[in-house]
């Protein structure tokens, strides 16, 4: 167990370093292609960090052997948004307590209202997604196309939205620290290298979570539902921490928001295509808690009065979910 813990910590350190490279590279790509900061977070950064989880979900539902492996893929499609809506936003709140940046400004209020639109998008899609998991009918697989189209419309809307005033300074590209105007291709290479590092280090991290879970006697399904999503969403969470420390709160929140939209659509589409998409009791609980978290976030962002304490309190909902699942042995 001690070796597993050391490997776990080493993998987490590699993920953090890779995230430093990633956020720096993706900001330069957004700058070079004149993409606004919010769109950089919701589209470019979110797509990059959510890609590994989407691939894992696709492999599980498309090539998994037996119903159990396919169900793990379905669980990932529900567990990811739950962790992002609760744990990831709470980490941002905790980090903000040490950032000493004002949140009650007119600029912050405008950013929060823009983010509330993302929560509204997610809420509509997630209600539809959860409802489909409660009933069985013949044409359900075809509805996966609707989820892909919904994400396409979301990307189109984000790309053409108002950019707003940029937060903070653009730090030198890590791969060219002395270049005032580094080549775009170098920024792309740095971002891709970071993604490869994140992907493989995340696989090691998740693998060691699995090893530790079995050492502690946790059932595989319970492990996949409670701990694995926390591990797979680690890159988005670390990205948010890095951006908050740099004073780029809009980017931090937008990255989580955009990752949630990907998790609500693309993995769900894969699940529709390759499984019956029928949710067991544990996944229904996960879905209900996620909906509750989104409503709470929507109210906070829409009012323009989101606070550190409000964001931090989102972790309580994940603890509620874990408590219900463990108490009723739903995993």
C-alpha atoms as a PDB file:
ATOM      1  CA  UNK A   1       0.000   0.000   0.000  1.00  0.00           C
ATOM      2  CA  UNK A   2       2.890   2.376   0.778  1.00  0.00           C
ATOM      3  CA  UNK A   3       4.257   1.947  -2.763  1.00  0.00           C
ATOM      4  CA  UNK A   4       0.817   2.673  -4.231  1.00  0.00           C
ATOM      5  CA  UNK A   5       0.587   5.880  -2.197  1.00  0.00           C
ATOM      6  CA  UNK A   6       4.030   7.013  -3.402  1.00  0.00           C
ATOM      7  CA  UNK A   7       3.104   6.280  -7.034  1.00  0.00           C
ATOM      8  CA  UNK A   8      -0.181   8.134  -6.497  1.00  0.00           C
ATOM      9  CA  UNK A   9       1.621  11.221  -5.194  1.00  0.00           C
ATOM     10  CA  UNK A  10       4.183  11.087  -8.021  1.00  0.00           C
ATOM     11  CA  UNK A  11       1.405  10.854 -10.630  1.00  0.00           C
ATOM     12  CA  UNK A  12      -0.392  13.809  -9.031  1.00  0.00           C
ATOM     13  CA  UNK A  13       2.834  15.852  -9.185  1.00  0.00           C
ATOM     14  CA  UNK A  14       3.286  15.027 -12.883  1.00  0.00           C
ATOM     15  CA  UNK A  15      -0.342  16.006 -13.563  1.00  0.00           C
ATOM     16  CA  UNK A  16       0.191  19.338 -11.816  1.00  0.00           C
ATOM     17  CA  UNK A  17       3.340  20.133 -13.824  1.00  0.00           C
ATOM     18  CA  UNK A  18       1.560  19.078 -17.018  1.00  0.00           C
ATOM     19  CA  UNK A  19      -1.389  21.326 -16.147  1.00  0.00           C
ATOM     20  CA  UNK A  20       1.014  24.257 -15.702  1.00  0.00           C
ATOM     21  CA  UNK A  21       2.258  23.627 -19.251  1.00  0.00           C
ATOM     22  CA  UNK A  22      -1.265  23.109 -20.547  1.00  0.00           C
ATOM     23  CA  UNK A  23      -2.881  26.271 -19.174  1.00  0.00           C
ATOM     24  CA  UNK A  24       0.074  28.334 -20.386  1.00  0.00           C
ATOM     25  CA  UNK A  25      -0.004  26.791 -23.865  1.00  0.00           C
ATOM     26  CA  UNK A  26      -3.763  26.964 -24.299  1.00  0.00           C
ATOM     27  CA  UNK A  27      -3.800  30.643 -23.261  1.00  0.00           C
ATOM     28  CA  UNK A  28      -1.247  31.412 -25.992  1.00  0.00           C
ATOM     29  CA  UNK A  29      -3.308  29.473 -28.555  1.00  0.00           C
ATOM     30  CA  UNK A  30      -6.414  31.409 -27.541  1.00  0.00           C
ATOM     31  CA  UNK A  31      -4.455  34.668 -27.751  1.00  0.00           C
ATOM     32  CA  UNK A  32      -3.068  33.892 -31.212  1.00  0.00           C
ATOM     33  CA  UNK A  33      -6.481  32.935 -32.616  1.00  0.00           C
ATOM     34  CA  UNK A  34      -8.155  35.889 -30.886  1.00  0.00           C
ATOM     35  CA  UNK A  35     -10.386  33.681 -28.729  1.00  0.00           C
ATOM     36  CA  UNK A  36     -11.820  35.396 -25.653  1.00  0.00           C
ATOM     37  CA  UNK A  37     -10.778  34.244 -22.186  1.00  0.00           C
ATOM     38  CA  UNK A  38     -14.138  32.675 -21.382  1.00  0.00           C
ATOM     39  CA  UNK A  39     -14.193  30.760 -24.670  1.00  0.00           C
ATOM     40  CA  UNK A  40     -10.582  29.719 -24.093  1.00  0.00           C
ATOM     41  CA  UNK A  41     -11.689  28.127 -20.830  1.00  0.00           C
ATOM     42  CA  UNK A  42     -15.030  26.673 -21.944  1.00  0.00           C
ATOM     43  CA  UNK A  43     -13.882  25.363 -25.344  1.00  0.00           C
ATOM     44  CA  UNK A  44     -10.102  25.009 -25.755  1.00  0.00           C
ATOM     45  CA  UNK A  45      -9.073  24.125 -22.203  1.00  0.00           C
ATOM     46  CA  UNK A  46     -12.191  22.119 -21.411  1.00  0.00           C
ATOM     47  CA  UNK A  47     -11.985  20.037 -24.579  1.00  0.00           C
ATOM     48  CA  UNK A  48      -8.331  19.214 -23.976  1.00  0.00           C
ATOM     49  CA  UNK A  49      -8.741  18.127 -20.354  1.00  0.00           C
ATOM     50  CA  UNK A  50     -12.063  16.316 -20.890  1.00  0.00           C
ATOM     51  CA  UNK A  51     -10.822  14.403 -23.944  1.00  0.00           C
ATOM     52  CA  UNK A  52      -9.104  11.589 -21.973  1.00  0.00           C
ATOM     53  CA  UNK A  53     -12.252  10.862 -19.914  1.00  0.00           C
ATOM     54  CA  UNK A  54     -14.403  10.887 -23.056  1.00  0.00           C
ATOM     55  CA  UNK A  55     -12.062   8.394 -24.719  1.00  0.00           C
ATOM     56  CA  UNK A  56     -12.134   6.164 -21.639  1.00  0.00           C
ATOM     57  CA  UNK A  57     -15.948   6.255 -21.638  1.00  0.00           C
ATOM     58  CA  UNK A  58     -16.051   5.436 -25.350  1.00  0.00           C
ATOM     59  CA  UNK A  59     -13.719   2.454 -24.918  1.00  0.00           C
ATOM     60  CA  UNK A  60     -15.749   1.171 -21.941  1.00  0.00           C
ATOM     61  CA  UNK A  61     -19.161   1.317 -23.637  1.00  0.00           C
ATOM     62  CA  UNK A  62     -18.057   0.393 -27.155  1.00  0.00           C
ATOM     63  CA  UNK A  63     -15.505  -2.337 -26.434  1.00  0.00           C
ATOM     64  CA  UNK A  64     -16.262  -3.372 -22.862  1.00  0.00           C
ATOM     65  CA  UNK A  65     -16.816  -7.086 -22.307  1.00  0.00           C
ATOM     66  CA  UNK A  66     -20.054  -7.746 -20.461  1.00  0.00           C
ATOM     67  CA  UNK A  67     -22.671  -5.500 -18.881  1.00  0.00           C
ATOM     68  CA  UNK A  68     -20.506  -4.646 -15.853  1.00  0.00           C
ATOM     69  CA  UNK A  69     -17.756  -2.957 -17.908  1.00  0.00           C
ATOM     70  CA  UNK A  70     -20.297  -1.076 -20.002  1.00  0.00           C
ATOM     71  CA  UNK A  71     -22.030   0.088 -16.822  1.00  0.00           C
ATOM     72  CA  UNK A  72     -18.734   1.550 -15.602  1.00  0.00           C
ATOM     73  CA  UNK A  73     -18.673   3.670 -18.776  1.00  0.00           C
ATOM     74  CA  UNK A  74     -22.222   4.844 -18.067  1.00  0.00           C
ATOM     75  CA  UNK A  75     -21.171   5.605 -14.501  1.00  0.00           C
ATOM     76  CA  UNK A  76     -18.307   7.758 -15.767  1.00  0.00           C
ATOM     77  CA  UNK A  77     -20.758   9.784 -17.856  1.00  0.00           C
ATOM     78  CA  UNK A  78     -22.759  10.523 -14.672  1.00  0.00           C
ATOM     79  CA  UNK A  79     -19.918  10.665 -12.155  1.00  0.00           C
ATOM     80  CA  UNK A  80     -17.819  13.236 -14.032  1.00  0.00           C
ATOM     81  CA  UNK A  81     -20.423  16.033 -14.009  1.00  0.00           C
ATOM     82  CA  UNK A  82     -21.196  15.289 -10.349  1.00  0.00           C
ATOM     83  CA  UNK A  83     -17.561  15.751  -9.297  1.00  0.00           C
ATOM     84  CA  UNK A  84     -17.130  18.892 -11.408  1.00  0.00           C
ATOM     85  CA  UNK A  85     -20.331  20.482 -10.055  1.00  0.00           C
ATOM     86  CA  UNK A  86     -19.415  19.785  -6.435  1.00  0.00           C
ATOM     87  CA  UNK A  87     -15.743  19.049  -5.703  1.00  0.00           C
ATOM     88  CA  UNK A  88     -14.151  21.117  -8.506  1.00  0.00           C
ATOM     89  CA  UNK A  89     -16.153  24.270  -7.759  1.00  0.00           C
ATOM     90  CA  UNK A  90     -15.502  23.790  -4.032  1.00  0.00           C
ATOM     91  CA  UNK A  91     -11.735  23.634  -4.679  1.00  0.00           C
ATOM     92  CA  UNK A  92     -11.994  26.949  -6.535  1.00  0.00           C
ATOM     93  CA  UNK A  93     -13.771  28.424  -3.516  1.00  0.00           C
ATOM     94  CA  UNK A  94     -11.114  27.139  -1.116  1.00  0.00           C
ATOM     95  CA  UNK A  95      -8.339  28.483  -3.346  1.00  0.00           C
ATOM     96  CA  UNK A  96     -10.030  31.870  -3.531  1.00  0.00           C
ATOM     97  CA  UNK A  97      -9.819  32.225   0.246  1.00  0.00           C
ATOM     98  CA  UNK A  98      -6.047  32.548  -0.176  1.00  0.00           C
ATOM     99  CA  UNK A  99      -6.195  34.638  -3.361  1.00  0.00           C
ATOM    100  CA  UNK A 100      -7.541  37.820  -1.717  1.00  0.00           C
ATOM    101  CA  UNK A 101      -9.237  38.953  -4.908  1.00  0.00           C
ATOM    102  CA  UNK A 102     -12.550  40.868  -4.729  1.00  0.00           C
ATOM    103  CA  UNK A 103     -15.577  39.020  -6.124  1.00  0.00           C
ATOM    104  CA  UNK A 104     -18.178  41.737  -5.589  1.00  0.00           C
ATOM    105  CA  UNK A 105     -17.230  43.894  -8.583  1.00  0.00           C
ATOM    106  CA  UNK A 106     -19.251  44.833 -11.667  1.00  0.00           C
ATOM    107  CA  UNK A 107     -16.874  42.814 -13.872  1.00  0.00           C
ATOM    108  CA  UNK A 108     -17.195  39.737 -11.651  1.00  0.00           C
ATOM    109  CA  UNK A 109     -20.983  40.090 -11.595  1.00  0.00           C
ATOM    110  CA  UNK A 110     -21.064  40.166 -15.419  1.00  0.00           C
ATOM    111  CA  UNK A 111     -18.798  37.095 -15.585  1.00  0.00           C
ATOM    112  CA  UNK A 112     -21.022  35.237 -13.117  1.00  0.00           C
ATOM    113  CA  UNK A 113     -24.161  35.991 -15.123  1.00  0.00           C
ATOM    114  CA  UNK A 114     -22.431  34.717 -18.269  1.00  0.00           C
ATOM    115  CA  UNK A 115     -21.523  31.515 -16.421  1.00  0.00           C
ATOM    116  CA  UNK A 116     -25.139  31.127 -15.289  1.00  0.00           C
ATOM    117  CA  UNK A 117     -26.070  30.648 -18.946  1.00  0.00           C
ATOM    118  CA  UNK A 118     -23.699  27.669 -19.038  1.00  0.00           C
ATOM    119  CA  UNK A 119     -25.440  26.245 -15.975  1.00  0.00           C
ATOM    120  CA  UNK A 120     -28.828  26.712 -17.655  1.00  0.00           C
ATOM    121  CA  UNK A 121     -27.566  24.893 -20.773  1.00  0.00           C
ATOM    122  CA  UNK A 122     -26.259  22.070 -18.625  1.00  0.00           C
ATOM    123  CA  UNK A 123     -29.459  21.856 -16.573  1.00  0.00           C
ATOM    124  CA  UNK A 124     -31.697  21.384 -19.624  1.00  0.00           C
ATOM    125  CA  UNK A 125     -29.393  18.786 -21.189  1.00  0.00           C
ATOM    126  CA  UNK A 126     -28.841  16.912 -17.943  1.00  0.00           C
ATOM    127  CA  UNK A 127     -32.567  16.673 -17.140  1.00  0.00           C
ATOM    128  CA  UNK A 128     -33.126  15.177 -20.597  1.00  0.00           C
ATOM    129  CA  UNK A 129     -30.163  12.833 -20.122  1.00  0.00           C
ATOM    130  CA  UNK A 130     -31.370  11.673 -16.699  1.00  0.00           C
ATOM    131  CA  UNK A 131     -34.938  11.173 -17.903  1.00  0.00           C
ATOM    132  CA  UNK A 132     -33.785   8.954 -20.753  1.00  0.00           C
ATOM    133  CA  UNK A 133     -32.064   6.710 -18.217  1.00  0.00           C
ATOM    134  CA  UNK A 134     -35.393   5.932 -16.534  1.00  0.00           C
ATOM    135  CA  UNK A 135     -37.337   4.617 -19.512  1.00  0.00           C
ATOM    136  CA  UNK A 136     -36.661   2.080 -22.262  1.00  0.00           C
ATOM    137  CA  UNK A 137     -37.717   2.537 -25.889  1.00  0.00           C
ATOM    138  CA  UNK A 138     -36.472   1.456 -29.299  1.00  0.00           C
ATOM    139  CA  UNK A 139     -35.193   4.726 -30.785  1.00  0.00           C
ATOM    140  CA  UNK A 140     -33.141   5.782 -27.727  1.00  0.00           C
ATOM    141  CA  UNK A 141     -29.740   5.148 -29.443  1.00  0.00           C
ATOM    142  CA  UNK A 142     -30.596   7.677 -32.140  1.00  0.00           C
ATOM    143  CA  UNK A 143     -31.028  10.383 -29.512  1.00  0.00           C
ATOM    144  CA  UNK A 144     -27.276  10.292 -28.941  1.00  0.00           C
ATOM    145  CA  UNK A 145     -27.019  12.452 -32.057  1.00  0.00           C
ATOM    146  CA  UNK A 146     -29.028  15.145 -30.261  1.00  0.00           C
ATOM    147  CA  UNK A 147     -26.366  15.348 -27.536  1.00  0.00           C
ATOM    148  CA  UNK A 148     -23.595  15.838 -30.103  1.00  0.00           C
ATOM    149  CA  UNK A 149     -25.629  18.547 -31.838  1.00  0.00           C
ATOM    150  CA  UNK A 150     -26.293  20.252 -28.483  1.00  0.00           C
ATOM    151  CA  UNK A 151     -22.567  20.473 -27.797  1.00  0.00           C
ATOM    152  CA  UNK A 152     -21.965  21.834 -31.297  1.00  0.00           C
ATOM    153  CA  UNK A 153     -24.518  24.602 -30.712  1.00  0.00           C
ATOM    154  CA  UNK A 154     -22.933  25.389 -27.337  1.00  0.00           C
ATOM    155  CA  UNK A 155     -19.459  25.715 -28.912  1.00  0.00           C
ATOM    156  CA  UNK A 156     -20.870  27.962 -31.652  1.00  0.00           C
ATOM    157  CA  UNK A 157     -22.516  30.197 -29.059  1.00  0.00           C
ATOM    158  CA  UNK A 158     -19.364  30.420 -26.920  1.00  0.00           C
ATOM    159  CA  UNK A 159     -17.127  31.181 -29.915  1.00  0.00           C
ATOM    160  CA  UNK A 160     -19.262  34.117 -31.023  1.00  0.00           C
ATOM    161  CA  UNK A 161     -19.920  35.495 -27.536  1.00  0.00           C
ATOM    162  CA  UNK A 162     -18.506  38.703 -26.110  1.00  0.00           C
ATOM    163  CA  UNK A 163     -14.849  38.416 -25.122  1.00  0.00           C
ATOM    164  CA  UNK A 164     -14.788  40.834 -22.222  1.00  0.00           C
ATOM    165  CA  UNK A 165     -11.727  42.417 -20.673  1.00  0.00           C
ATOM    166  CA  UNK A 166      -8.801  40.018 -20.235  1.00  0.00           C
ATOM    167  CA  UNK A 167      -7.833  39.048 -16.681  1.00  0.00           C
ATOM    168  CA  UNK A 168      -4.203  39.138 -15.621  1.00  0.00           C
ATOM    169  CA  UNK A 169      -1.117  39.103 -17.824  1.00  0.00           C
ATOM    170  CA  UNK A 170      -0.222  36.503 -20.412  1.00  0.00           C
ATOM    171  CA  UNK A 171       2.843  34.749 -19.006  1.00  0.00           C
ATOM    172  CA  UNK A 172       5.745  33.817 -21.324  1.00  0.00           C
ATOM    173  CA  UNK A 173       5.377  30.508 -23.115  1.00  0.00           C
ATOM    174  CA  UNK A 174       7.121  27.823 -21.035  1.00  0.00           C
ATOM    175  CA  UNK A 175       8.781  26.319 -24.125  1.00  0.00           C
ATOM    176  CA  UNK A 176      10.113  29.747 -25.152  1.00  0.00           C
ATOM    177  CA  UNK A 177      10.424  31.809 -21.950  1.00  0.00           C
ATOM    178  CA  UNK A 178      12.490  34.607 -23.545  1.00  0.00           C
ATOM    179  CA  UNK A 179      10.360  35.038 -26.679  1.00  0.00           C
ATOM    180  CA  UNK A 180       7.993  38.001 -26.593  1.00  0.00           C
ATOM    181  CA  UNK A 181       5.999  36.576 -29.521  1.00  0.00           C
ATOM    182  CA  UNK A 182       6.594  32.802 -29.584  1.00  0.00           C
ATOM    183  CA  UNK A 183       5.578  30.846 -32.710  1.00  0.00           C
ATOM    184  CA  UNK A 184       2.022  29.504 -32.623  1.00  0.00           C
ATOM    185  CA  UNK A 185       3.261  26.044 -33.559  1.00  0.00           C
ATOM    186  CA  UNK A 186       5.405  25.993 -30.402  1.00  0.00           C
ATOM    187  CA  UNK A 187       2.361  26.806 -28.271  1.00  0.00           C
ATOM    188  CA  UNK A 188       0.462  23.977 -29.956  1.00  0.00           C
ATOM    189  CA  UNK A 189       3.357  21.543 -29.385  1.00  0.00           C
ATOM    190  CA  UNK A 190       3.577  22.535 -25.706  1.00  0.00           C
ATOM    191  CA  UNK A 191      -0.173  22.019 -25.272  1.00  0.00           C
ATOM    192  CA  UNK A 192      -0.103  18.608 -26.971  1.00  0.00           C
ATOM    193  CA  UNK A 193       2.896  17.476 -24.890  1.00  0.00           C
ATOM    194  CA  UNK A 194       1.030  18.560 -21.765  1.00  0.00           C
ATOM    195  CA  UNK A 195      -2.083  16.627 -22.835  1.00  0.00           C
ATOM    196  CA  UNK A 196      -0.060  13.456 -23.392  1.00  0.00           C
ATOM    197  CA  UNK A 197       1.498  13.863 -19.929  1.00  0.00           C
ATOM    198  CA  UNK A 198      -1.932  14.464 -18.370  1.00  0.00           C
ATOM    199  CA  UNK A 199      -3.428  11.435 -20.128  1.00  0.00           C
ATOM    200  CA  UNK A 200      -0.774   8.913 -19.076  1.00  0.00           C
ATOM    201  CA  UNK A 201      -0.286  10.317 -15.563  1.00  0.00           C
ATOM    202  CA  UNK A 202      -4.074  10.281 -15.051  1.00  0.00           C
ATOM    203  CA  UNK A 203      -4.191   6.622 -16.107  1.00  0.00           C
ATOM    204  CA  UNK A 204      -1.515   5.826 -13.515  1.00  0.00           C
ATOM    205  CA  UNK A 205      -3.383   7.885 -10.891  1.00  0.00           C
ATOM    206  CA  UNK A 206      -6.711   6.142 -11.546  1.00  0.00           C
ATOM    207  CA  UNK A 207      -4.970   2.764 -11.576  1.00  0.00           C
ATOM    208  CA  UNK A 208      -3.455   3.368  -8.152  1.00  0.00           C
ATOM    209  CA  UNK A 209      -6.827   4.542  -6.813  1.00  0.00           C
ATOM    210  CA  UNK A 210      -8.166   1.183  -7.972  1.00  0.00           C
ATOM    211  CA  UNK A 211      -5.302  -0.674  -6.247  1.00  0.00           C
ATOM    212  CA  UNK A 212      -5.825   1.227  -2.987  1.00  0.00           C
ATOM    213  CA  UNK A 213      -9.577   0.638  -3.144  1.00  0.00           C
ATOM    214  CA  UNK A 214      -9.129  -3.101  -3.465  1.00  0.00           C
ATOM    215  CA  UNK A 215      -6.538  -3.057  -0.652  1.00  0.00           C
ATOM    216  CA  UNK A 216      -9.150  -1.372   1.553  1.00  0.00           C
ATOM    217  CA  UNK A 217     -11.799  -3.886   0.504  1.00  0.00           C
ATOM    218  CA  UNK A 218     -14.007  -1.457  -1.450  1.00  0.00           C
ATOM    219  CA  UNK A 219     -16.285  -3.026  -4.103  1.00  0.00           C
ATOM    220  CA  UNK A 220     -15.371  -2.224  -7.731  1.00  0.00           C
ATOM    221  CA  UNK A 221     -18.684  -0.533  -8.513  1.00  0.00           C
ATOM    222  CA  UNK A 222     -18.508   1.634  -5.377  1.00  0.00           C
ATOM    223  CA  UNK A 223     -14.915   2.551  -6.215  1.00  0.00           C
ATOM    224  CA  UNK A 224     -15.834   3.502  -9.790  1.00  0.00           C
ATOM    225  CA  UNK A 225     -18.698   5.653  -8.565  1.00  0.00           C
ATOM    226  CA  UNK A 226     -17.089   7.449  -5.607  1.00  0.00           C
ATOM    227  CA  UNK A 227     -13.339   7.712  -6.221  1.00  0.00           C
ATOM    228  CA  UNK A 228     -12.580   7.208  -9.911  1.00  0.00           C
ATOM    229  CA  UNK A 229     -14.502  10.328 -11.089  1.00  0.00           C
ATOM    230  CA  UNK A 230     -12.581  12.449  -8.556  1.00  0.00           C
ATOM    231  CA  UNK A 231      -9.340  11.113 -10.025  1.00  0.00           C
ATOM    232  CA  UNK A 232     -10.335  11.569 -13.669  1.00  0.00           C
ATOM    233  CA  UNK A 233     -11.469  15.159 -13.075  1.00  0.00           C
ATOM    234  CA  UNK A 234      -8.152  16.043 -11.388  1.00  0.00           C
ATOM    235  CA  UNK A 235      -6.749  17.929 -14.461  1.00  0.00           C
ATOM    236  CA  UNK A 236      -9.741  20.312 -14.582  1.00  0.00           C
ATOM    237  CA  UNK A 237      -9.467  20.887 -10.834  1.00  0.00           C
ATOM    238  CA  UNK A 238      -5.719  21.577 -10.978  1.00  0.00           C
ATOM    239  CA  UNK A 239      -6.190  23.892 -13.979  1.00  0.00           C
ATOM    240  CA  UNK A 240      -8.667  25.879 -11.908  1.00  0.00           C
ATOM    241  CA  UNK A 241      -6.241  26.116  -8.973  1.00  0.00           C
ATOM    242  CA  UNK A 242      -3.444  27.359 -11.255  1.00  0.00           C
ATOM    243  CA  UNK A 243      -5.625  30.002 -12.900  1.00  0.00           C
ATOM    244  CA  UNK A 244      -7.033  31.243  -9.576  1.00  0.00           C
ATOM    245  CA  UNK A 245      -3.482  31.620  -8.260  1.00  0.00           C
ATOM    246  CA  UNK A 246      -2.717  33.704 -11.367  1.00  0.00           C
ATOM    247  CA  UNK A 247      -5.761  35.878 -10.703  1.00  0.00           C
ATOM    248  CA  UNK A 248      -7.686  34.519 -13.722  1.00  0.00           C
ATOM    249  CA  UNK A 249     -10.910  33.540 -11.983  1.00  0.00           C
ATOM    250  CA  UNK A 250     -12.979  33.753 -15.177  1.00  0.00           C
ATOM    251  CA  UNK A 251     -10.751  31.191 -16.863  1.00  0.00           C
ATOM    252  CA  UNK A 252     -10.826  28.877 -13.835  1.00  0.00           C
ATOM    253  CA  UNK A 253     -14.613  28.841 -13.608  1.00  0.00           C
ATOM    254  CA  UNK A 254     -15.069  28.681 -17.389  1.00  0.00           C
ATOM    255  CA  UNK A 255     -12.798  25.629 -17.639  1.00  0.00           C
ATOM    256  CA  UNK A 256     -14.973  23.704 -15.170  1.00  0.00           C
ATOM    257  CA  UNK A 257     -18.161  24.937 -16.820  1.00  0.00           C
ATOM    258  CA  UNK A 258     -16.987  23.914 -20.286  1.00  0.00           C
ATOM    259  CA  UNK A 259     -15.788  20.512 -19.047  1.00  0.00           C
ATOM    260  CA  UNK A 260     -19.217  19.923 -17.538  1.00  0.00           C
ATOM    261  CA  UNK A 261     -20.860  20.627 -20.891  1.00  0.00           C
ATOM    262  CA  UNK A 262     -18.592  18.099 -22.590  1.00  0.00           C
ATOM    263  CA  UNK A 263     -19.281  15.517 -19.890  1.00  0.00           C
ATOM    264  CA  UNK A 264     -23.018  16.106 -20.234  1.00  0.00           C
ATOM    265  CA  UNK A 265     -23.057  15.537 -23.994  1.00  0.00           C
ATOM    266  CA  UNK A 266     -20.227  13.581 -25.642  1.00  0.00           C
ATOM    267  CA  UNK A 267     -19.874  10.661 -23.162  1.00  0.00           C
ATOM    268  CA  UNK A 268     -23.676  10.559 -22.938  1.00  0.00           C
ATOM    269  CA  UNK A 269     -23.918  10.211 -26.701  1.00  0.00           C
ATOM    270  CA  UNK A 270     -21.478   7.279 -26.576  1.00  0.00           C
ATOM    271  CA  UNK A 271     -23.602   5.707 -23.833  1.00  0.00           C
ATOM    272  CA  UNK A 272     -26.757   6.092 -25.929  1.00  0.00           C
ATOM    273  CA  UNK A 273     -25.100   4.570 -28.991  1.00  0.00           C
ATOM    274  CA  UNK A 274     -23.643   1.481 -27.324  1.00  0.00           C
ATOM    275  CA  UNK A 275     -25.724   0.685 -24.210  1.00  0.00           C
ATOM    276  CA  UNK A 276     -29.355   0.559 -23.140  1.00  0.00           C
ATOM    277  CA  UNK A 277     -28.703   3.689 -21.029  1.00  0.00           C
ATOM    278  CA  UNK A 278     -30.759   2.464 -18.074  1.00  0.00           C
ATOM    279  CA  UNK A 279     -29.588   3.920 -14.771  1.00  0.00           C
ATOM    280  CA  UNK A 280     -29.300   1.909 -11.578  1.00  0.00           C
ATOM    281  CA  UNK A 281     -30.255   3.421  -8.171  1.00  0.00           C
ATOM    282  CA  UNK A 282     -26.738   4.710  -7.429  1.00  0.00           C
ATOM    283  CA  UNK A 283     -26.558   6.546 -10.754  1.00  0.00           C
ATOM    284  CA  UNK A 284     -30.019   8.010 -10.225  1.00  0.00           C
ATOM    285  CA  UNK A 285     -28.867   9.393  -6.869  1.00  0.00           C
ATOM    286  CA  UNK A 286     -25.764  10.809  -8.591  1.00  0.00           C
ATOM    287  CA  UNK A 287     -27.972  12.466 -11.204  1.00  0.00           C
ATOM    288  CA  UNK A 288     -30.350  13.992  -8.660  1.00  0.00           C
ATOM    289  CA  UNK A 289     -27.472  15.402  -6.564  1.00  0.00           C
ATOM    290  CA  UNK A 290     -25.887  16.812  -9.737  1.00  0.00           C
ATOM    291  CA  UNK A 291     -29.158  18.542 -10.651  1.00  0.00           C
ATOM    292  CA  UNK A 292     -29.391  20.004  -7.151  1.00  0.00           C
ATOM    293  CA  UNK A 293     -25.799  21.253  -7.390  1.00  0.00           C
ATOM    294  CA  UNK A 294     -26.466  22.919 -10.749  1.00  0.00           C
ATOM    295  CA  UNK A 295     -29.568  24.672  -9.424  1.00  0.00           C
ATOM    296  CA  UNK A 296     -27.539  26.013  -6.476  1.00  0.00           C
ATOM    297  CA  UNK A 297     -24.753  27.160  -8.829  1.00  0.00           C
ATOM    298  CA  UNK A 298     -27.238  28.752 -11.237  1.00  0.00           C
ATOM    299  CA  UNK A 299     -28.820  30.776  -8.440  1.00  0.00           C
ATOM    300  CA  UNK A 300     -25.429  31.941  -7.218  1.00  0.00           C
ATOM    301  CA  UNK A 301     -24.096  32.900 -10.640  1.00  0.00           C
ATOM    302  CA  UNK A 302     -27.375  34.386 -11.881  1.00  0.00           C
ATOM    303  CA  UNK A 303     -27.667  36.685  -8.872  1.00  0.00           C
ATOM    304  CA  UNK A 304     -24.122  37.931  -9.555  1.00  0.00           C
ATOM    305  CA  UNK A 305     -23.346  37.436  -5.872  1.00  0.00           C
ATOM    306  CA  UNK A 306     -21.388  34.178  -5.953  1.00  0.00           C
ATOM    307  CA  UNK A 307     -18.945  34.032  -3.035  1.00  0.00           C
ATOM    308  CA  UNK A 308     -16.037  31.958  -1.769  1.00  0.00           C
ATOM    309  CA  UNK A 309     -18.249  30.354   0.869  1.00  0.00           C
ATOM    310  CA  UNK A 310     -20.967  29.568  -1.695  1.00  0.00           C
ATOM    311  CA  UNK A 311     -18.507  27.787  -3.981  1.00  0.00           C
ATOM    312  CA  UNK A 312     -16.821  26.006  -1.062  1.00  0.00           C
ATOM    313  CA  UNK A 313     -20.146  24.671   0.204  1.00  0.00           C
ATOM    314  CA  UNK A 314     -20.638  22.657  -2.993  1.00  0.00           C
ATOM    315  CA  UNK A 315     -18.412  19.930  -1.513  1.00  0.00           C
ATOM    316  CA  UNK A 316     -21.165  19.195   1.017  1.00  0.00           C
ATOM    317  CA  UNK A 317     -23.382  17.895  -1.778  1.00  0.00           C
ATOM    318  CA  UNK A 318     -20.741  15.363  -2.812  1.00  0.00           C
ATOM    319  CA  UNK A 319     -20.525  14.203   0.800  1.00  0.00           C
ATOM    320  CA  UNK A 320     -24.317  13.832   0.810  1.00  0.00           C
ATOM    321  CA  UNK A 321     -24.095  11.693  -2.324  1.00  0.00           C
ATOM    322  CA  UNK A 322     -21.308   9.539  -0.874  1.00  0.00           C
ATOM    323  CA  UNK A 323     -23.243   9.144   2.382  1.00  0.00           C
ATOM    324  CA  UNK A 324     -26.463   8.060   0.657  1.00  0.00           C
ATOM    325  CA  UNK A 325     -24.630   5.581  -1.595  1.00  0.00           C
ATOM    326  CA  UNK A 326     -22.642   4.121   1.293  1.00  0.00           C
ATOM    327  CA  UNK A 327     -25.580   4.004   3.736  1.00  0.00           C
ATOM    328  CA  UNK A 328     -27.927   2.220   1.348  1.00  0.00           C
ATOM    329  CA  UNK A 329     -25.074   0.197  -0.217  1.00  0.00           C
ATOM    330  CA  UNK A 330     -26.172   1.335  -3.672  1.00  0.00           C
ATOM    331  CA  UNK A 331     -22.772   0.683  -5.285  1.00  0.00           C
END
